[in-house]
PDB file of N, CA and C in Angstrom:
ATOM      1  N   MET A   1     -12.714  22.948  17.300  1.00  0.00           N
ATOM      2  CA  MET A   1     -13.742  22.147  16.679  1.00  0.00           C
ATOM      3  C   MET A   1     -13.411  21.796  15.233  1.00  0.00           C
ATOM      4  N   VAL A   2     -12.486  22.522  14.629  1.00  0.00           N
ATOM      5  CA  VAL A   2     -12.150  22.268  13.220  1.00  0.00           C
ATOM      6  C   VAL A   2     -11.003  21.275  13.087  1.00  0.00           C
ATOM      7  N   THR A   3      -9.994  21.396  13.921  1.00  0.00           N
ATOM      8  CA  THR A   3      -8.817  20.545  13.759  1.00  0.00           C
ATOM      9  C   THR A   3      -9.098  19.049  13.862  1.00  0.00           C
ATOM     10  N   PRO A   4     -10.062  18.594  14.670  1.00  0.00           N
ATOM     11  CA  PRO A   4     -10.329  17.145  14.681  1.00  0.00           C
ATOM     12  C   PRO A   4     -10.799  16.605  13.341  1.00  0.00           C
ATOM     13  N   LEU A   5     -11.276  17.474  12.469  1.00  0.00           N
ATOM     14  CA  LEU A   5     -11.739  17.022  11.158  1.00  0.00           C
ATOM     15  C   LEU A   5     -10.584  16.667  10.224  1.00  0.00           C
ATOM     16  N   PHE A   6      -9.365  16.917  10.664  1.00  0.00           N
ATOM     17  CA  PHE A   6      -8.191  16.614   9.853  1.00  0.00           C
ATOM     18  C   PHE A   6      -7.363  15.459  10.407  1.00  0.00           C
ATOM     19  N   VAL A   7      -7.815  14.857  11.494  1.00  0.00           N
ATOM     20  CA  VAL A   7      -7.054  13.773  12.124  1.00  0.00           C
ATOM     21  C   VAL A   7      -7.965  12.585  12.359  1.00  0.00           C
ATOM     22  N   GLN A   8      -7.360  11.491  12.815  1.00  0.00           N
ATOM     23  CA  GLN A   8      -8.130  10.303  13.149  1.00  0.00           C
ATOM     24  C   GLN A   8      -7.536   9.702  14.412  1.00  0.00           C
ATOM     25  N   ARG A   9      -8.286   9.745  15.485  1.00  0.00           N
ATOM     26  CA  ARG A   9      -7.808   9.252  16.776  1.00  0.00           C
ATOM     27  C   ARG A   9      -7.636   7.742  16.782  1.00  0.00           C
ATOM     28  N   ALA A  10      -8.392   7.028  15.981  1.00  0.00           N
ATOM     29  CA  ALA A  10      -8.396   5.569  16.029  1.00  0.00           C
ATOM     30  C   ALA A  10      -7.237   4.922  15.263  1.00  0.00           C
ATOM     31  N   GLY A  11      -6.351   5.701  14.696  1.00  0.00           N
ATOM     32  CA  GLY A  11      -5.174   5.133  14.056  1.00  0.00           C
ATOM     33  C   GLY A  11      -5.289   4.954  12.554  1.00  0.00           C
ATOM     34  N   TRP A  12      -4.287   4.268  12.013  1.00  0.00           N
ATOM     35  CA  TRP A  12      -4.160   4.109  10.565  1.00  0.00           C
ATOM     36  C   TRP A  12      -5.325   3.395   9.886  1.00  0.00           C
ATOM     37  N   PRO A  13      -5.875   2.343  10.472  1.00  0.00           N
ATOM     38  CA  PRO A  13      -6.984   1.672   9.773  1.00  0.00           C
ATOM     39  C   PRO A  13      -8.163   2.613   9.500  1.00  0.00           C
ATOM     40  N   HIS A  14      -8.525   3.411  10.482  1.00  0.00           N
ATOM     41  CA  HIS A  14      -9.631   4.353  10.275  1.00  0.00           C
ATOM     42  C   HIS A  14      -9.232   5.500   9.365  1.00  0.00           C
ATOM     43  N   ALA A  15      -7.983   5.938   9.472  1.00  0.00           N
ATOM     44  CA  ALA A  15      -7.510   7.002   8.583  1.00  0.00           C
ATOM     45  C   ALA A  15      -7.543   6.538   7.129  1.00  0.00           C
ATOM     46  N   CYS A  16      -7.147   5.307   6.887  1.00  0.00           N
ATOM     47  CA  CYS A  16      -7.190   4.771   5.518  1.00  0.00           C
ATOM     48  C   CYS A  16      -8.624   4.596   5.029  1.00  0.00           C
ATOM     49  N   ALA A  17      -9.500   4.096   5.894  1.00  0.00           N
ATOM     50  CA  ALA A  17     -10.907   3.929   5.510  1.00  0.00           C
ATOM     51  C   ALA A  17     -11.547   5.271   5.191  1.00  0.00           C
ATOM     52  N   ASN A  18     -11.261   6.288   6.014  1.00  0.00           N
ATOM     53  CA  ASN A  18     -11.811   7.620   5.748  1.00  0.00           C
ATOM     54  C   ASN A  18     -11.206   8.225   4.487  1.00  0.00           C
ATOM     55  N   GLY A  19      -9.942   7.937   4.232  1.00  0.00           N
ATOM     56  CA  GLY A  19      -9.320   8.424   3.001  1.00  0.00           C
ATOM     57  C   GLY A  19      -9.961   7.826   1.765  1.00  0.00           C
ATOM     58  N   VAL A  20     -10.209   6.535   1.807  1.00  0.00           N
ATOM     59  CA  VAL A  20     -10.879   5.871   0.674  1.00  0.00           C
ATOM     60  C   VAL A  20     -12.290   6.416   0.511  1.00  0.00           C
ATOM     61  N   ALA A  21     -12.995   6.595   1.622  1.00  0.00           N
ATOM     62  CA  ALA A  21     -14.355   7.152   1.546  1.00  0.00           C
ATOM     63  C   ALA A  21     -14.328   8.557   0.953  1.00  0.00           C
ATOM     64  N   ALA A  22     -13.353   9.357   1.346  1.00  0.00           N
ATOM     65  CA  ALA A  22     -13.250  10.716   0.811  1.00  0.00           C
ATOM     66  C   ALA A  22     -12.959  10.707  -0.687  1.00  0.00           C
ATOM     67  N   VAL A  23     -12.127   9.785  -1.129  1.00  0.00           N
ATOM     68  CA  VAL A  23     -11.797   9.694  -2.556  1.00  0.00           C
ATOM     69  C   VAL A  23     -13.036   9.373  -3.388  1.00  0.00           C
ATOM     70  N   PHE A  24     -13.940   8.574  -2.850  1.00  0.00           N
ATOM     71  CA  PHE A  24     -15.145   8.212  -3.600  1.00  0.00           C
ATOM     72  C   PHE A  24     -16.296   9.202  -3.405  1.00  0.00           C
ATOM     73  N   LEU A  25     -16.499   9.662  -2.173  1.00  0.00           N
ATOM     74  CA  LEU A  25     -17.665  10.491  -1.880  1.00  0.00           C
ATOM     75  C   LEU A  25     -17.496  11.957  -2.276  1.00  0.00           C
ATOM     76  N   CYS A  26     -16.339  12.526  -2.007  1.00  0.00           N
ATOM     77  CA  CYS A  26     -16.158  13.965  -2.229  1.00  0.00           C
ATOM     78  C   CYS A  26     -16.262  14.369  -3.707  1.00  0.00           C
ATOM     79  N   PRO A  27     -15.647  13.662  -4.647  1.00  0.00           N
ATOM     80  CA  PRO A  27     -15.841  14.055  -6.051  1.00  0.00           C
ATOM     81  C   PRO A  27     -17.292  13.942  -6.517  1.00  0.00           C
ATOM     82  N   LEU A  28     -17.999  12.938  -6.033  1.00  0.00           N
ATOM     83  CA  LEU A  28     -19.400  12.783  -6.402  1.00  0.00           C
ATOM     84  C   LEU A  28     -20.234  13.932  -5.836  1.00  0.00           C
ATOM     85  N   ALA A  29     -20.010  14.260  -4.570  1.00  0.00           N
ATOM     86  CA  ALA A  29     -20.739  15.377  -3.962  1.00  0.00           C
ATOM     87  C   ALA A  29     -20.368  16.699  -4.632  1.00  0.00           C
ATOM     88  N   GLU A  30     -19.114  16.860  -5.015  1.00  0.00           N
ATOM     89  CA  GLU A  30     -18.710  18.093  -5.700  1.00  0.00           C
ATOM     90  C   GLU A  30     -19.396  18.198  -7.063  1.00  0.00           C
ATOM     91  N   ARG A  31     -19.586  17.081  -7.711  1.00  0.00           N
ATOM     92  CA  ARG A  31     -20.279  17.083  -9.003  1.00  0.00           C
ATOM     93  C   ARG A  31     -21.716  17.584  -8.860  1.00  0.00           C
ATOM     94  N   PHE A  32     -22.371  17.191  -7.773  1.00  0.00           N
ATOM     95  CA  PHE A  32     -23.761  17.584  -7.552  1.00  0.00           C
ATOM     96  C   PHE A  32     -23.899  18.957  -6.905  1.00  0.00           C
ATOM     97  N   TYR A  33     -22.985  19.302  -5.989  1.00  0.00           N
ATOM     98  CA  TYR A  33     -23.134  20.517  -5.186  1.00  0.00           C
ATOM     99  C   TYR A  33     -22.098  21.596  -5.478  1.00  0.00           C
ATOM    100  N   GLY A  34     -21.089  21.291  -6.263  1.00  0.00           N
ATOM    101  CA  GLY A  34     -20.074  22.294  -6.609  1.00  0.00           C
ATOM    102  C   GLY A  34     -19.229  22.694  -5.405  1.00  0.00           C
ATOM    103  N   ARG A  35     -18.978  23.986  -5.311  1.00  0.00           N
ATOM    104  CA  ARG A  35     -18.104  24.494  -4.251  1.00  0.00           C
ATOM    105  C   ARG A  35     -18.716  24.376  -2.863  1.00  0.00           C
ATOM    106  N   ARG A  36     -19.992  24.075  -2.798  1.00  0.00           N
ATOM    107  CA  ARG A  36     -20.639  23.907  -1.494  1.00  0.00           C
ATOM    108  C   ARG A  36     -20.145  22.648  -0.781  1.00  0.00           C
ATOM    109  N   LEU A  37     -19.316  21.858  -1.446  1.00  0.00           N
ATOM    110  CA  LEU A  37     -18.753  20.658  -0.823  1.00  0.00           C
ATOM    111  C   LEU A  37     -18.045  20.997   0.475  1.00  0.00           C
ATOM    112  N   LEU A  38     -17.323  22.102   0.512  1.00  0.00           N
ATOM    113  CA  LEU A  38     -16.616  22.490   1.744  1.00  0.00           C
ATOM    114  C   LEU A  38     -17.595  22.710   2.897  1.00  0.00           C
ATOM    115  N   ALA A  39     -18.709  23.358   2.607  1.00  0.00           N
ATOM    116  CA  ALA A  39     -19.727  23.562   3.646  1.00  0.00           C
ATOM    117  C   ALA A  39     -20.340  22.234   4.056  1.00  0.00           C
ATOM    118  N   LEU A  40     -20.522  21.339   3.088  1.00  0.00           N
ATOM    119  CA  LEU A  40     -21.104  20.027   3.389  1.00  0.00           C
ATOM    120  C   LEU A  40     -20.173  19.181   4.249  1.00  0.00           C
ATOM    121  N   TYR A  41     -18.886  19.473   4.222  1.00  0.00           N
ATOM    122  CA  TYR A  41     -17.922  18.754   5.049  1.00  0.00           C
ATOM    123  C   TYR A  41     -17.772  19.432   6.415  1.00  0.00           C
ATOM    124  N   PHE A  42     -17.560  20.751   6.415  1.00  0.00           N
ATOM    125  CA  PHE A  42     -17.209  21.434   7.661  1.00  0.00           C
ATOM    126  C   PHE A  42     -18.404  21.733   8.570  1.00  0.00           C
ATOM    127  N   VAL A  43     -19.537  22.122   8.041  1.00  0.00           N
ATOM    128  CA  VAL A  43     -20.677  22.452   8.909  1.00  0.00           C
ATOM    129  C   VAL A  43     -21.155  21.215   9.680  1.00  0.00           C
ATOM    130  N   PRO A  44     -21.473  20.107   8.998  1.00  0.00           N
ATOM    131  CA  PRO A  44     -21.859  18.922   9.790  1.00  0.00           C
ATOM    132  C   PRO A  44     -20.715  18.392  10.644  1.00  0.00           C
ATOM    133  N   GLY A  45     -19.484  18.533  10.145  1.00  0.00           N
ATOM    134  CA  GLY A  45     -18.340  18.053  10.915  1.00  0.00           C
ATOM    135  C   GLY A  45     -18.176  18.804  12.223  1.00  0.00           C
ATOM    136  N   ILE A  46     -18.269  20.128  12.183  1.00  0.00           N
ATOM    137  CA  ILE A  46     -18.135  20.934  13.401  1.00  0.00           C
ATOM    138  C   ILE A  46     -19.310  20.686  14.336  1.00  0.00           C
ATOM    139  N   LEU A  47     -20.525  20.658  13.789  1.00  0.00           N
ATOM    140  CA  LEU A  47     -21.684  20.361  14.636  1.00  0.00           C
ATOM    141  C   LEU A  47     -21.583  18.955  15.223  1.00  0.00           C
ATOM    142  N   GLY A  48     -21.096  18.016  14.442  1.00  0.00           N
ATOM    143  CA  GLY A  48     -20.904  16.661  14.940  1.00  0.00           C
ATOM    144  C   GLY A  48     -19.886  16.605  16.063  1.00  0.00           C
ATOM    145  N   GLU A  49     -18.815  17.384  15.932  1.00  0.00           N
ATOM    146  CA  GLU A  49     -17.802  17.435  16.985  1.00  0.00           C
ATOM    147  C   GLU A  49     -18.396  18.000  18.275  1.00  0.00           C
ATOM    148  N   ILE A  50     -19.239  19.012  18.161  1.00  0.00           N
ATOM    149  CA  ILE A  50     -19.859  19.592  19.361  1.00  0.00           C
ATOM    150  C   ILE A  50     -20.676  18.535  20.095  1.00  0.00           C
ATOM    151  N   PHE A  51     -21.514  17.794  19.357  1.00  0.00           N
ATOM    152  CA  PHE A  51     -22.305  16.753  20.001  1.00  0.00           C
ATOM    153  C   PHE A  51     -21.444  15.576  20.434  1.00  0.00           C
ATOM    154  N   ALA A  52     -20.441  15.239  19.669  1.00  0.00           N
ATOM    155  CA  ALA A  52     -19.576  14.106  20.013  1.00  0.00           C
ATOM    156  C   ALA A  52     -18.816  14.363  21.308  1.00  0.00           C
ATOM    157  N   TYR A  53     -18.431  15.601  21.553  1.00  0.00           N
ATOM    158  CA  TYR A  53     -17.722  15.901  22.796  1.00  0.00           C
ATOM    159  C   TYR A  53     -18.603  15.653  24.018  1.00  0.00           C
ATOM    160  N   GLN A  54     -19.921  15.725  23.840  1.00  0.00           N
ATOM    161  CA  GLN A  54     -20.822  15.412  24.940  1.00  0.00           C
ATOM    162  C   GLN A  54     -20.806  13.918  25.250  1.00  0.00           C
ATOM    163  N   TRP A  55     -20.608  13.093  24.222  1.00  0.00           N
ATOM    164  CA  TRP A  55     -20.645  11.645  24.388  1.00  0.00           C
ATOM    165  C   TRP A  55     -19.255  11.063  24.619  1.00  0.00           C
ATOM    166  N   PHE A  56     -18.263  11.541  23.867  1.00  0.00           N
ATOM    167  CA  PHE A  56     -16.893  11.030  23.941  1.00  0.00           C
ATOM    168  C   PHE A  56     -15.936  12.215  23.960  1.00  0.00           C
ATOM    169  N   PRO A  57     -15.588  12.738  25.128  1.00  0.00           N
ATOM    170  CA  PRO A  57     -14.767  13.951  25.198  1.00  0.00           C
ATOM    171  C   PRO A  57     -13.387  13.829  24.546  1.00  0.00           C
ATOM    172  N   ASN A  58     -12.850  12.641  24.409  1.00  0.00           N
ATOM    173  CA  ASN A  58     -11.518  12.477  23.835  1.00  0.00           C
ATOM    174  C   ASN A  58     -11.545  12.002  22.393  1.00  0.00           C
ATOM    175  N   GLY A  59     -12.664  12.065  21.743  1.00  0.00           N
ATOM    176  CA  GLY A  59     -12.779  11.573  20.368  1.00  0.00           C
ATOM    177  C   GLY A  59     -12.399  12.626  19.351  1.00  0.00           C
ATOM    178  N   ALA A  60     -12.029  12.160  18.192  1.00  0.00           N
ATOM    179  CA  ALA A  60     -11.726  13.045  17.070  1.00  0.00           C
ATOM    180  C   ALA A  60     -11.760  12.210  15.808  1.00  0.00           C
ATOM    181  N   GLY A  61     -12.042  12.869  14.701  1.00  0.00           N
ATOM    182  CA  GLY A  61     -11.984  12.127  13.456  1.00  0.00           C
ATOM    183  C   GLY A  61     -12.673  12.815  12.310  1.00  0.00           C
ATOM    184  N   SER A  62     -12.154  12.548  11.141  1.00  0.00           N
ATOM    185  CA  SER A  62     -12.694  13.139   9.923  1.00  0.00           C
ATOM    186  C   SER A  62     -13.980  12.468   9.481  1.00  0.00           C
ATOM    187  N   SER A  63     -14.347  11.376  10.116  1.00  0.00           N
ATOM    188  CA  SER A  63     -15.557  10.664   9.700  1.00  0.00           C
ATOM    189  C   SER A  63     -16.813  11.501   9.904  1.00  0.00           C
ATOM    190  N   LEU A  64     -16.796  12.438  10.828  1.00  0.00           N
ATOM    191  CA  LEU A  64     -17.974  13.288  11.025  1.00  0.00           C
ATOM    192  C   LEU A  64     -18.204  14.191   9.820  1.00  0.00           C
ATOM    193  N   GLY A  65     -17.151  14.742   9.264  1.00  0.00           N
ATOM    194  CA  GLY A  65     -17.287  15.545   8.052  1.00  0.00           C
ATOM    195  C   GLY A  65     -17.726  14.702   6.871  1.00  0.00           C
ATOM    196  N   LEU A  66     -17.166  13.512   6.769  1.00  0.00           N
ATOM    197  CA  LEU A  66     -17.558  12.610   5.681  1.00  0.00           C
ATOM    198  C   LEU A  66     -19.002  12.150   5.826  1.00  0.00           C
ATOM    199  N   ALA A  67     -19.477  12.038   7.063  1.00  0.00           N
ATOM    200  CA  ALA A  67     -20.880  11.691   7.271  1.00  0.00           C
ATOM    201  C   ALA A  67     -21.789  12.803   6.742  1.00  0.00           C
ATOM    202  N   GLY A  68     -21.351  14.043   6.872  1.00  0.00           N
ATOM    203  CA  GLY A  68     -22.117  15.152   6.298  1.00  0.00           C
ATOM    204  C   GLY A  68     -22.168  15.089   4.786  1.00  0.00           C
ATOM    205  N   VAL A  69     -21.050  14.740   4.180  1.00  0.00           N
ATOM    206  CA  VAL A  69     -21.006  14.604   2.721  1.00  0.00           C
ATOM    207  C   VAL A  69     -21.902  13.446   2.288  1.00  0.00           C
ATOM    208  N   LEU A  70     -21.830  12.336   2.983  1.00  0.00           N
ATOM    209  CA  LEU A  70     -22.672  11.188   2.649  1.00  0.00           C
ATOM    210  C   LEU A  70     -24.154  11.527   2.830  1.00  0.00           C
ATOM    211  N   GLY A  71     -24.470  12.239   3.893  1.00  0.00           N
ATOM    212  CA  GLY A  71     -25.847  12.669   4.109  1.00  0.00           C
ATOM    213  C   GLY A  71     -26.347  13.576   2.999  1.00  0.00           C
ATOM    214  N   SER A  72     -25.468  14.423   2.468  1.00  0.00           N
ATOM    215  CA  SER A  72     -25.876  15.292   1.356  1.00  0.00           C
ATOM    216  C   SER A  72     -26.175  14.469   0.103  1.00  0.00           C
ATOM    217  N   LEU A  73     -25.434  13.387  -0.089  1.00  0.00           N
ATOM    218  CA  LEU A  73     -25.709  12.510  -1.229  1.00  0.00           C
ATOM    219  C   LEU A  73     -27.036  11.776  -1.045  1.00  0.00           C
ATOM    220  N   PHE A  74     -27.327  11.378   0.200  1.00  0.00           N
ATOM    221  CA  PHE A  74     -28.635  10.775   0.475  1.00  0.00           C
ATOM    222  C   PHE A  74     -29.741  11.781   0.177  1.00  0.00           C
ATOM    223  N   ALA A  75     -29.563  13.023   0.614  1.00  0.00           N
ATOM    224  CA  ALA A  75     -30.575  14.061   0.367  1.00  0.00           C
ATOM    225  C   ALA A  75     -30.742  14.316  -1.125  1.00  0.00           C
ATOM    226  N   PHE A  76     -29.652  14.249  -1.870  1.00  0.00           N
ATOM    227  CA  PHE A  76     -29.730  14.460  -3.316  1.00  0.00           C
ATOM    228  C   PHE A  76     -30.609  13.405  -3.969  1.00  0.00           C
ATOM    229  N   THR A  77     -30.496  12.165  -3.510  1.00  0.00           N
ATOM    230  CA  THR A  77     -31.317  11.110  -4.104  1.00  0.00           C
ATOM    231  C   THR A  77     -32.799  11.355  -3.854  1.00  0.00           C
ATOM    232  N   PHE A  78     -33.147  11.902  -2.691  1.00  0.00           N
ATOM    233  CA  PHE A  78     -34.549  12.181  -2.408  1.00  0.00           C
ATOM    234  C   PHE A  78     -35.073  13.358  -3.222  1.00  0.00           C
ATOM    235  N   SER A  79     -34.235  14.357  -3.421  1.00  0.00           N
ATOM    236  CA  SER A  79     -34.697  15.530  -4.173  1.00  0.00           C
ATOM    237  C   SER A  79     -34.725  15.288  -5.679  1.00  0.00           C
ATOM    238  N   HIS A  80     -34.080  14.224  -6.146  1.00  0.00           N
ATOM    239  CA  HIS A  80     -34.058  13.880  -7.572  1.00  0.00           C
ATOM    240  C   HIS A  80     -34.549  12.452  -7.794  1.00  0.00           C
ATOM    241  N   ARG A  81     -35.627  12.085  -7.116  1.00  0.00           N
ATOM    242  CA  ARG A  81     -36.143  10.706  -7.171  1.00  0.00           C
ATOM    243  C   ARG A  81     -36.423  10.224  -8.582  1.00  0.00           C
ATOM    244  N   SER A  82     -36.921  11.096  -9.415  1.00  0.00           N
ATOM    245  CA  SER A  82     -37.298  10.650 -10.760  1.00  0.00           C
ATOM    246  C   SER A  82     -36.085  10.325 -11.626  1.00  0.00           C
ATOM    247  N   GLU A  83     -34.921  10.847 -11.269  1.00  0.00           N
ATOM    248  CA  GLU A  83     -33.709  10.642 -12.060  1.00  0.00           C
ATOM    249  C   GLU A  83     -32.809   9.553 -11.486  1.00  0.00           C
ATOM    250  N   ILE A  84     -33.112   9.070 -10.293  1.00  0.00           N
ATOM    251  CA  ILE A  84     -32.245   8.142  -9.569  1.00  0.00           C
ATOM    252  C   ILE A  84     -32.854   6.740  -9.622  1.00  0.00           C
ATOM    253  N   SER A  85     -32.009   5.729  -9.697  1.00  0.00           N
ATOM    254  CA  SER A  85     -32.501   4.348  -9.720  1.00  0.00           C
ATOM    255  C   SER A  85     -33.132   3.988  -8.378  1.00  0.00           C
ATOM    256  N   ILE A  86     -34.003   3.018  -8.404  1.00  0.00           N
ATOM    257  CA  ILE A  86     -34.682   2.576  -7.187  1.00  0.00           C
ATOM    258  C   ILE A  86     -33.691   1.977  -6.197  1.00  0.00           C
ATOM    259  N   SER A  87     -32.638   1.333  -6.682  1.00  0.00           N
ATOM    260  CA  SER A  87     -31.645   0.758  -5.766  1.00  0.00           C
ATOM    261  C   SER A  87     -30.870   1.855  -5.041  1.00  0.00           C
ATOM    262  N   ALA A  88     -30.558   2.951  -5.730  1.00  0.00           N
ATOM    263  CA  ALA A  88     -29.879   4.068  -5.067  1.00  0.00           C
ATOM    264  C   ALA A  88     -30.797   4.718  -4.041  1.00  0.00           C
ATOM    265  N   LEU A  89     -32.064   4.825  -4.368  1.00  0.00           N
ATOM    266  CA  LEU A  89     -33.028   5.392  -3.427  1.00  0.00           C
ATOM    267  C   LEU A  89     -33.167   4.495  -2.193  1.00  0.00           C
ATOM    268  N   MET A  90     -33.227   3.197  -2.381  1.00  0.00           N
ATOM    269  CA  MET A  90     -33.319   2.274  -1.253  1.00  0.00           C
ATOM    270  C   MET A  90     -32.052   2.327  -0.390  1.00  0.00           C
ATOM    271  N   PHE A  91     -30.894   2.437  -1.036  1.00  0.00           N
ATOM    272  CA  PHE A  91     -29.637   2.574  -0.298  1.00  0.00           C
ATOM    273  C   PHE A  91     -29.666   3.829   0.566  1.00  0.00           C
ATOM    274  N   SER A  92     -30.217   4.906   0.038  1.00  0.00           N
ATOM    275  CA  SER A  92     -30.309   6.155   0.791  1.00  0.00           C
ATOM    276  C   SER A  92     -31.254   6.019   1.976  1.00  0.00           C
ATOM    277  N   ILE A  93     -32.373   5.339   1.785  1.00  0.00           N
ATOM    278  CA  ILE A  93     -33.320   5.139   2.881  1.00  0.00           C
ATOM    279  C   ILE A  93     -32.668   4.339   4.002  1.00  0.00           C
ATOM    280  N   VAL A  94     -31.962   3.286   3.645  1.00  0.00           N
ATOM    281  CA  VAL A  94     -31.265   2.471   4.643  1.00  0.00           C
ATOM    282  C   VAL A  94     -30.175   3.294   5.325  1.00  0.00           C
ATOM    283  N   GLY A  95     -29.469   4.119   4.567  1.00  0.00           N
ATOM    284  CA  GLY A  95     -28.418   4.959   5.147  1.00  0.00           C
ATOM    285  C   GLY A  95     -28.962   5.967   6.144  1.00  0.00           C
ATOM    286  N   ILE A  96     -30.066   6.598   5.815  1.00  0.00           N
ATOM    287  CA  ILE A  96     -30.657   7.569   6.737  1.00  0.00           C
ATOM    288  C   ILE A  96     -31.194   6.858   7.979  1.00  0.00           C
ATOM    289  N   ALA A  97     -31.815   5.714   7.791  1.00  0.00           N
ATOM    290  CA  ALA A  97     -32.301   4.940   8.945  1.00  0.00           C
ATOM    291  C   ALA A  97     -31.133   4.538   9.846  1.00  0.00           C
ATOM    292  N   GLY A  98     -30.029   4.138   9.238  1.00  0.00           N
ATOM    293  CA  GLY A  98     -28.845   3.786  10.015  1.00  0.00           C
ATOM    294  C   GLY A  98     -28.291   4.976  10.788  1.00  0.00           C
ATOM    295  N   ALA A  99     -28.314   6.145  10.184  1.00  0.00           N
ATOM    296  CA  ALA A  99     -27.838   7.346  10.868  1.00  0.00           C
ATOM    297  C   ALA A  99     -28.708   7.679  12.073  1.00  0.00           C
ATOM    298  N   VAL A 100     -30.010   7.509  11.933  1.00  0.00           N
ATOM    299  CA  VAL A 100     -30.921   7.771  13.054  1.00  0.00           C
ATOM    300  C   VAL A 100     -30.655   6.789  14.194  1.00  0.00           C
ATOM    301  N   VAL A 101     -30.474   5.522  13.857  1.00  0.00           N
ATOM    302  CA  VAL A 101     -30.178   4.516  14.879  1.00  0.00           C
ATOM    303  C   VAL A 101     -28.863   4.846  15.579  1.00  0.00           C
ATOM    304  N   MET A 102     -27.860   5.253  14.826  1.00  0.00           N
ATOM    305  CA  MET A 102     -26.571   5.595  15.420  1.00  0.00           C
ATOM    306  C   MET A 102     -26.704   6.772  16.382  1.00  0.00           C
ATOM    307  N   CYS A 103     -27.535   7.743  16.043  1.00  0.00           N
ATOM    308  CA  CYS A 103     -27.747   8.892  16.942  1.00  0.00           C
ATOM    309  C   CYS A 103     -28.365   8.448  18.259  1.00  0.00           C
ATOM    310  N   PHE A 104     -29.365   7.568  18.183  1.00  0.00           N
ATOM    311  CA  PHE A 104     -29.999   7.096  19.414  1.00  0.00           C
ATOM    312  C   PHE A 104     -29.057   6.235  20.242  1.00  0.00           C
ATOM    313  N   ASN A 105     -28.053   5.640  19.616  1.00  0.00           N
ATOM    314  CA  ASN A 105     -27.054   4.846  20.334  1.00  0.00           C
ATOM    315  C   ASN A 105     -25.851   5.677  20.742  1.00  0.00           C
ATOM    316  N   HIS A 106     -25.943   6.986  20.559  1.00  0.00           N
ATOM    317  CA  HIS A 106     -24.849   7.904  20.889  1.00  0.00           C
ATOM    318  C   HIS A 106     -23.562   7.551  20.163  1.00  0.00           C
ATOM    319  N   ASP A 107     -23.666   7.139  18.936  1.00  0.00           N
ATOM    320  CA  ASP A 107     -22.508   6.868  18.089  1.00  0.00           C
ATOM    321  C   ASP A 107     -22.239   8.146  17.289  1.00  0.00           C
ATOM    322  N   ALA A 108     -21.055   8.676  17.405  1.00  0.00           N
ATOM    323  CA  ALA A 108     -20.733   9.972  16.818  1.00  0.00           C
ATOM    324  C   ALA A 108     -20.235   9.872  15.383  1.00  0.00           C
ATOM    325  N   HIS A 109     -20.631   8.861  14.663  1.00  0.00           N
ATOM    326  CA  HIS A 109     -20.187   8.771  13.267  1.00  0.00           C
ATOM    327  C   HIS A 109     -21.355   9.007  12.396  1.00  0.00           C
TER     328      HIS A 109
END
């Protein structure tokens, strides 16, 4: 369940996209959460892999771990509403709504 978080089954385009996302998201999440960044990547990533295997048994990818990091940033905006701009808060609301829709569509990202 851990090794798929280090690879990308969909090839170089997805690996590059996930790499760029990691370069932007992980330092920001580390700034807010510190060393808990590893837990924010691996716990949702492993749980995501468990559910993803139910939908797509041959799937793999680091995007599940990155989705956990992105979700933590969305949660941060809600817990610090008074310090966050309204546009960032709206982006978080749209992101969480998108994640819910993806779950109902059995999309493992």
